[in-house]
Amino acid sequence: MKRSILITGGAGFIGSHVVRRLVVNYPQCQITNLDLLTYAGNLENLKDIEHLDNYYFVKGDIGDERLLSRLFKEYDIDGVVHLAAESHVDRSISDPLSFIKANVLGTVTLLNACLNHWRGSTESLFYHISTDEVYGSIVAPELFTETTAYDPQSPYSASKASSDHFVRAYRNTYNLPVIISNCSNNYGPCQFPEKLIPLCINNIRHRKPLPIYGQGENIRDWLYVEDHARAIDLIFHKGKEGEIYNIGGDNQWKNIDLVRLLCDIVDNQLGTTNSQELIEFVKDRPGHDARYAIDASKIKSELDWKPSVSLEQGLAKTVEWYLSNEEWLKHVTSGQYQEYYQELYSKR
């Protein structure tokens, strides 16, 4: 089926993998990538496909009503995959207002553009990608399901929870066709180096400290980004309108155990030793959720999706990519970024 699909935040970490997958796998579809190119957006992530005829890039803000109106008319958009968001919890603590502007107001502005352009069309779809953090923390052995009550604990998760509610409200109020998915922590190539895994890989390589919040006991479920992109593809094309799908990697690890494993993998690939000695425990983040864990049985049973790699396999592929792409890291790592983290990770 020929479609005209708008992907927001397509120059970012997850977005670039989704854009590449849809552009390559659906040459009959027009894929428009709308990204503001803030600190985490990088067109280098998409150099390999920028020449393809069915791919278009537009620099712009999802909060720009005039731009959205023009794009929907010019490209006759009939599908939206909405990934654009401020996503780093630490930044949300220091600057919550920017998260409200991007994640809440930006999403509502985009919903309005869909509503104005589609006007009751049942062939269109607004697919909103969210996070498991909207559910808050959960005690083992319980898992987040699609019916788990929302309990966001950080400005970031509160902004994403609000945007989720607006998406559902637009379906209930205006009959806008929507789907929502909530995913666990992503990792893999092209992730901005403020996140735990790329930060540690880069620091191990340069023999810098590996800052771990608290005692590293917080548990996260880890999802390889290409597995997530494959899930997004399936949900957009085969998911049931109005449904929610949880996407998890079946990889629940304590942060400290994850970093120790990462040290061993980097040591193995670089031929170095004793990188675990670089681990330093730092003051814990305010309101740090203890455990996230997703039950992905719905997407597995309904759409025949499952993770393709274990954490050990995915981390090995991720480490290999970062060690082979140091120039990419240099381009996205600024002096301001270093100053930000020097202040953030103050030792106890």
Protein backbone atom coordinates (compact mmCIF):
# COMPACT_ATOMS: atom_id res chain seq x y z
CA MET A 1 0.00 0.00 0.00
CA LYS A 2 1.40 3.39 -0.98
CA ARG A 3 1.39 5.81 1.94
CA SER A 4 2.82 9.18 2.86
CA ILE A 5 4.27 8.83 6.35
CA LEU A 6 5.56 11.59 8.61
CA ILE A 7 8.13 10.46 11.18
CA THR A 8 8.86 13.02 13.87
CA GLY A 9 12.24 12.98 15.60
CA GLY A 10 13.63 10.84 12.81
CA ALA A 11 17.20 12.11 13.17
CA GLY A 12 17.39 10.94 16.78
CA PHE A 13 18.50 7.62 18.18
CA ILE A 14 15.38 5.46 17.83
CA GLY A 15 13.92 7.64 15.08
CA SER A 16 16.87 7.17 12.71
CA HIS A 17 16.55 3.39 12.95
CA VAL A 18 12.81 3.61 12.25
CA VAL A 19 13.31 5.99 9.31
CA ARG A 20 15.94 3.75 7.74
CA ARG A 21 13.79 0.65 8.13
CA LEU A 22 10.68 2.19 6.57
CA VAL A 23 12.55 3.95 3.76
CA VAL A 24 14.38 0.77 2.74
CA ASN A 25 11.55 -1.74 3.28
CA TYR A 26 8.75 0.36 1.72
CA PRO A 27 10.16 2.07 -1.38
CA GLN A 28 6.61 2.68 -2.62
CA CYS A 29 5.93 4.87 0.44
CA GLN A 30 7.00 8.48 0.88
CA ILE A 31 8.80 8.97 4.19
CA THR A 32 9.14 12.52 5.52
CA ASN A 33 11.47 13.01 8.48
CA LEU A 34 10.67 16.07 10.61
CA ASP A 35 13.34 16.88 13.18
CA LEU A 36 14.41 20.09 14.91
CA LEU A 37 18.04 18.84 15.12
CA THR A 38 18.54 19.71 18.77
CA TYR A 39 21.53 18.26 20.63
CA ALA A 40 20.34 14.64 20.22
CA GLY A 41 19.35 14.88 16.55
CA ASN A 42 22.07 14.03 14.04
CA LEU A 43 21.68 13.68 10.27
CA GLU A 44 24.90 11.67 10.18
CA ASN A 45 22.73 8.82 11.45
CA LEU A 46 20.98 8.74 8.06
CA LYS A 47 23.76 9.42 5.56
CA ASP A 48 23.33 5.99 4.00
CA ILE A 49 19.74 6.65 2.88
CA GLU A 50 19.61 10.40 2.26
CA HIS A 51 19.97 9.87 -1.50
CA LEU A 52 16.91 7.61 -1.83
CA ASP A 53 13.93 8.96 -3.80
CA ASN A 54 11.27 8.17 -1.21
CA TYR A 55 13.04 9.97 1.66
CA TYR A 56 12.59 13.65 2.54
CA PHE A 57 14.05 15.57 5.46
CA VAL A 58 12.51 18.74 6.90
CA LYS A 59 14.10 20.67 9.73
CA GLY A 60 11.37 21.97 12.00
CA ASP A 61 9.49 21.94 15.27
CA ILE A 62 6.42 19.78 15.95
CA GLY A 63 5.08 22.79 17.84
CA ASP A 64 5.04 24.93 14.65
CA GLU A 65 1.39 24.91 13.52
CA ARG A 66 2.04 26.62 10.18
CA LEU A 67 4.84 24.25 9.26
CA LEU A 68 2.73 21.20 10.12
CA SER A 69 -0.20 22.50 8.11
CA ARG A 70 2.05 23.03 5.09
CA LEU A 71 3.65 19.60 5.39
CA PHE A 72 0.35 17.77 5.70
CA LYS A 73 -0.98 19.53 2.60
CA GLU A 74 2.20 19.38 0.52
CA TYR A 75 2.96 15.72 1.21
CA ASP A 76 -0.63 14.61 1.82
CA ILE A 77 0.40 12.88 5.04
CA ASP A 78 -1.84 9.92 5.94
CA GLY A 79 0.30 8.33 8.65
CA VAL A 80 2.32 9.71 11.56
CA VAL A 81 4.94 7.87 13.61
CA HIS A 82 5.55 10.23 16.52
CA LEU A 83 8.96 9.84 18.15
CA ALA A 84 10.01 13.47 18.68
CA ALA A 85 10.49 14.07 22.39
CA GLU A 86 12.81 15.31 25.08
CA SER A 87 13.80 12.03 26.67
CA HIS A 88 16.55 12.31 29.29
CA VAL A 89 15.34 12.13 32.89
CA ASP A 90 18.29 14.12 34.28
CA ARG A 91 17.60 17.00 31.92
CA SER A 92 13.90 16.95 32.87
CA ILE A 93 14.87 17.44 36.51
CA SER A 94 16.92 20.55 35.73
CA ASP A 95 14.57 21.94 33.03
CA PRO A 96 11.03 20.50 33.29
CA LEU A 97 9.42 23.28 31.25
CA SER A 98 11.23 22.28 28.05
CA PHE A 99 9.81 18.77 28.45
CA ILE A 100 6.28 20.12 28.81
CA LYS A 101 6.72 22.25 25.69
CA ALA A 102 8.12 19.45 23.54
CA ASN A 103 6.36 16.38 24.85
CA VAL A 104 2.94 17.76 25.78
CA LEU A 105 2.34 20.91 23.73
CA GLY A 106 4.26 19.52 20.76
CA THR A 107 2.20 16.32 20.75
CA VAL A 108 -1.10 18.21 21.01
CA THR A 109 -0.09 20.53 18.16
CA LEU A 110 0.69 17.47 16.04
CA LEU A 111 -2.62 15.85 16.98
CA ASN A 112 -4.43 19.01 15.88
CA ALA A 113 -2.66 18.93 12.52
CA CYS A 114 -3.79 15.33 12.00
CA LEU A 115 -7.32 16.20 13.01
CA ASN A 116 -7.50 19.17 10.65
CA HIS A 117 -6.04 17.35 7.67
CA TRP A 118 -7.65 13.92 7.99
CA ARG A 119 -11.17 15.05 8.93
CA GLY A 120 -12.63 11.70 9.88
CA SER A 121 -10.54 9.49 7.59
CA THR A 122 -10.40 5.90 8.83
CA GLU A 123 -7.43 5.06 6.59
CA SER A 124 -5.06 7.37 8.46
CA LEU A 125 -3.15 6.59 11.66
CA PHE A 126 -1.40 8.51 14.43
CA TYR A 127 1.12 6.17 16.09
CA HIS A 128 2.51 7.54 19.34
CA ILE A 129 5.69 6.01 20.78
CA SER A 130 5.93 6.31 24.55
CA THR A 131 7.88 4.79 27.45
CA ASP A 132 7.47 2.29 30.27
CA GLU A 133 8.45 5.07 32.68
CA VAL A 134 4.85 6.33 32.66
CA TYR A 135 3.97 3.34 34.86
CA GLY A 136 6.35 4.33 37.64
CA SER A 137 8.25 1.65 39.55
CA ILE A 138 7.10 -1.94 40.02
CA VAL A 139 8.06 -4.58 42.59
CA ALA A 140 9.42 -7.94 41.45
CA PRO A 141 8.15 -10.28 40.15
CA GLU A 142 5.32 -8.11 38.79
CA LEU A 143 5.47 -6.74 35.22
CA PHE A 144 3.97 -3.72 33.45
CA THR A 145 1.05 -4.68 31.23
CA GLU A 146 -1.01 -2.52 28.89
CA THR A 147 -3.57 -2.05 31.68
CA THR A 148 -1.12 -1.06 34.44
CA ALA A 149 -2.17 2.23 36.04
CA TYR A 150 0.01 5.24 35.27
CA ASP A 151 2.21 6.51 38.11
CA PRO A 152 4.91 8.78 36.62
CA GLN A 153 7.58 9.90 39.07
CA SER A 154 9.85 12.27 37.11
CA PRO A 155 9.13 15.39 35.04
CA TYR A 156 10.08 13.36 31.94
CA SER A 157 7.69 10.49 32.66
CA ALA A 158 4.96 12.93 33.70
CA SER A 159 5.27 14.74 30.37
CA LYS A 160 5.09 11.45 28.45
CA ALA A 161 2.12 10.27 30.52
CA SER A 162 0.34 13.52 29.73
CA SER A 163 0.98 13.13 26.02
CA ASP A 164 -0.31 9.53 26.15
CA HIS A 165 -3.51 10.75 27.77
CA PHE A 166 -3.98 13.43 25.11
CA VAL A 167 -3.58 10.85 22.35
CA ARG A 168 -6.28 8.68 23.90
CA ALA A 169 -8.46 11.72 24.51
CA TYR A 170 -8.30 12.72 20.84
CA ARG A 171 -9.42 9.24 19.85
CA ASN A 172 -12.29 9.26 22.35
CA THR A 173 -13.38 12.82 21.62
CA TYR A 174 -12.67 13.24 17.91
CA ASN A 175 -12.46 9.62 16.68
CA LEU A 176 -8.87 10.18 15.59
CA PRO A 177 -7.34 6.80 14.67
CA VAL A 178 -4.43 6.16 17.05
CA ILE A 179 -2.11 3.49 18.42
CA ILE A 180 0.25 3.83 21.41
CA SER A 181 3.26 1.73 22.35
CA ASN A 182 5.29 1.86 25.54
CA CYS A 183 8.85 0.56 25.36
CA SER A 184 11.60 -0.31 27.80
CA ASN A 185 15.12 1.21 27.81
CA ASN A 186 16.62 1.22 24.31
CA TYR A 187 20.30 0.74 23.52
CA GLY A 188 22.35 0.30 20.37
CA PRO A 189 24.18 2.29 17.66
CA CYS A 190 23.71 6.08 17.34
CA GLN A 191 22.49 6.73 20.89
CA PHE A 192 23.50 10.14 22.23
CA PRO A 193 26.40 9.64 24.67
CA GLU A 194 24.65 11.09 27.70
CA LYS A 195 22.82 7.75 28.17
CA LEU A 196 24.33 5.06 30.37
CA ILE A 197 25.62 2.52 27.83
CA PRO A 198 27.32 4.83 25.28
CA LEU A 199 28.63 7.01 28.13
CA CYS A 200 30.30 3.99 29.73
CA ILE A 201 31.71 2.68 26.43
CA ASN A 202 33.28 6.06 25.68
CA ASN A 203 34.61 6.46 29.22
CA ILE A 204 36.11 2.96 29.29
CA ARG A 205 37.89 3.64 26.03
CA HIS A 206 39.41 6.83 27.44
CA ARG A 207 39.94 5.38 30.95
CA LYS A 208 37.58 7.81 32.61
CA PRO A 209 35.34 7.09 35.64
CA LEU A 210 32.08 5.20 35.14
CA PRO A 211 29.50 7.07 37.26
CA ILE A 212 26.77 4.81 38.70
CA TYR A 213 23.83 6.27 40.61
CA GLY A 214 23.45 5.11 44.22
CA GLN A 215 24.70 1.54 44.53
CA GLY A 216 23.60 0.52 41.04
CA GLU A 217 20.70 -1.56 42.35
CA ASN A 218 18.06 -0.02 40.06
CA ILE A 219 16.69 -2.53 37.56
CA ARG A 220 15.84 -1.81 33.93
CA ASP A 221 14.60 -3.92 31.03
CA TRP A 222 16.84 -3.40 27.99
CA LEU A 223 15.61 -3.42 24.37
CA TYR A 224 17.96 -3.44 21.37
CA VAL A 225 17.02 -0.49 19.17
CA GLU A 226 16.73 -2.50 15.94
CA ASP A 227 14.30 -4.86 17.66
CA HIS A 228 12.29 -1.80 18.69
CA ALA A 229 12.30 -0.43 15.12
CA ARG A 230 11.03 -3.80 13.89
CA ALA A 231 8.25 -3.71 16.49
CA ILE A 232 7.27 -0.17 15.45
CA ASP A 233 7.10 -1.29 11.81
CA LEU A 234 4.81 -4.20 12.75
CA ILE A 235 2.56 -2.11 14.97
CA PHE A 236 2.18 0.65 12.39
CA HIS A 237 1.28 -1.76 9.59
CA LYS A 238 -0.50 -4.57 11.44
CA GLY A 239 -1.46 -3.26 14.86
CA LYS A 240 -5.09 -2.77 15.81
CA GLU A 241 -6.30 0.83 15.87
CA GLY A 242 -7.02 2.10 19.38
CA GLU A 243 -4.76 -0.47 21.03
CA ILE A 244 -1.74 -0.13 23.30
CA TYR A 245 1.30 -2.39 22.91
CA ASN A 246 4.11 -2.83 25.42
CA ILE A 247 7.52 -3.56 23.86
CA GLY A 248 10.17 -5.11 26.12
CA GLY A 249 13.49 -6.82 25.62
CA ASP A 250 13.14 -9.61 28.22
CA ASN A 251 16.43 -8.32 29.65
CA GLN A 252 16.04 -7.22 33.28
CA TRP A 253 19.40 -6.20 34.73
CA LYS A 254 20.63 -4.22 37.70
CA ASN A 255 22.56 -1.17 36.53
CA ILE A 256 25.74 -2.29 38.29
CA ASP A 257 25.60 -5.75 36.70
CA LEU A 258 24.99 -4.20 33.28
CA VAL A 259 28.02 -1.92 33.62
CA ARG A 260 30.23 -4.79 34.82
CA LEU A 261 29.19 -6.85 31.80
CA LEU A 262 29.85 -3.85 29.56
CA CYS A 263 33.34 -3.47 31.05
CA ASP A 264 34.13 -7.10 30.23
CA ILE A 265 32.85 -6.77 26.66
CA VAL A 266 34.84 -3.58 25.99
CA ASP A 267 37.95 -5.11 27.57
CA ASN A 268 37.54 -8.15 25.33
CA GLN A 269 37.18 -6.06 22.16
CA LEU A 270 39.94 -3.56 23.00
CA GLY A 271 42.33 -5.99 24.62
CA THR A 272 42.34 -3.94 27.83
CA THR A 273 41.89 -5.20 31.40
CA ASN A 274 40.36 -4.25 34.73
CA SER A 275 37.88 -1.67 33.40
CA GLN A 276 35.57 -2.51 36.29
CA GLU A 277 38.01 -0.56 38.47
CA LEU A 278 36.72 2.61 36.75
CA ILE A 279 33.27 2.22 38.36
CA GLU A 280 32.43 5.03 40.79
CA PHE A 281 29.20 5.33 42.73
CA VAL A 282 27.72 8.84 42.73
CA LYS A 283 24.87 10.58 44.51
CA ASP A 284 21.57 9.04 43.45
CA ARG A 285 19.17 10.85 41.15
CA PRO A 286 16.13 12.45 42.86
CA GLY A 287 13.06 10.22 42.64
CA HIS A 288 15.00 7.39 40.97
CA ASP A 289 12.53 4.57 40.15
CA ALA A 290 13.71 1.23 41.52
CA ARG A 291 12.55 -1.17 38.82
CA TYR A 292 10.98 -1.20 35.34
CA ALA A 293 9.90 -4.51 33.80
CA ILE A 294 7.63 -5.01 30.80
CA ASP A 295 5.28 -7.85 29.93
CA ALA A 296 5.47 -7.97 26.12
CA SER A 297 3.19 -11.00 25.71
CA LYS A 298 0.53 -9.02 23.80
CA ILE A 299 2.76 -7.96 20.91
CA LYS A 300 4.34 -11.42 20.88
CA SER A 301 1.01 -13.23 20.56
CA GLU A 302 -0.85 -10.76 18.33
CA LEU A 303 1.93 -9.60 15.99
CA ASP A 304 4.42 -12.47 16.26
CA TRP A 305 7.23 -10.21 17.48
CA LYS A 306 9.99 -11.13 19.90
CA PRO A 307 13.46 -9.77 20.70
CA SER A 308 16.13 -11.13 18.37
CA VAL A 309 19.17 -10.74 20.65
CA SER A 310 20.10 -11.29 24.28
CA LEU A 311 21.63 -8.40 26.19
CA GLU A 312 25.08 -9.97 25.85
CA GLN A 313 24.69 -10.21 22.07
CA GLY A 314 23.20 -6.73 21.71
CA LEU A 315 25.88 -5.13 23.87
CA ALA A 316 28.65 -6.81 21.87
CA LYS A 317 27.18 -5.37 18.65
CA THR A 318 26.75 -1.97 20.31
CA VAL A 319 30.30 -1.85 21.65
CA GLU A 320 31.69 -2.83 18.26
CA TRP A 321 29.76 0.01 16.61
CA TYR A 322 30.91 2.68 19.08
CA LEU A 323 34.53 1.57 18.98
CA SER A 324 34.41 1.74 15.17
CA ASN A 325 32.74 5.17 15.08
CA GLU A 326 34.81 7.42 17.32
CA GLU A 327 34.50 10.29 14.84
CA TRP A 328 30.71 10.16 15.26
CA LEU A 329 31.20 10.44 19.02
CA LYS A 330 33.54 13.41 18.62
CA HIS A 331 31.02 15.23 16.46
CA VAL A 332 28.13 14.84 18.91
CA THR A 333 30.14 15.35 22.11
CA SER A 334 30.53 19.04 22.91
CA GLY A 335 32.31 20.94 25.62
CA GLN A 336 28.96 21.96 27.06
CA TYR A 337 28.01 18.30 27.30
CA GLN A 338 31.17 17.52 29.25
CA GLU A 339 30.57 20.44 31.64
CA TYR A 340 26.96 19.32 32.15
CA TYR A 341 28.01 15.84 33.19
CA GLN A 342 30.92 17.01 35.29
CA GLU A 343 28.41 18.97 37.39
CA LEU A 344 25.72 16.28 37.31
CA TYR A 345 27.88 13.39 38.44
CA SER A 346 29.35 14.98 41.53
CA LYS A 347 30.78 12.31 43.79
CA ARG A 348 29.37 11.54 47.21
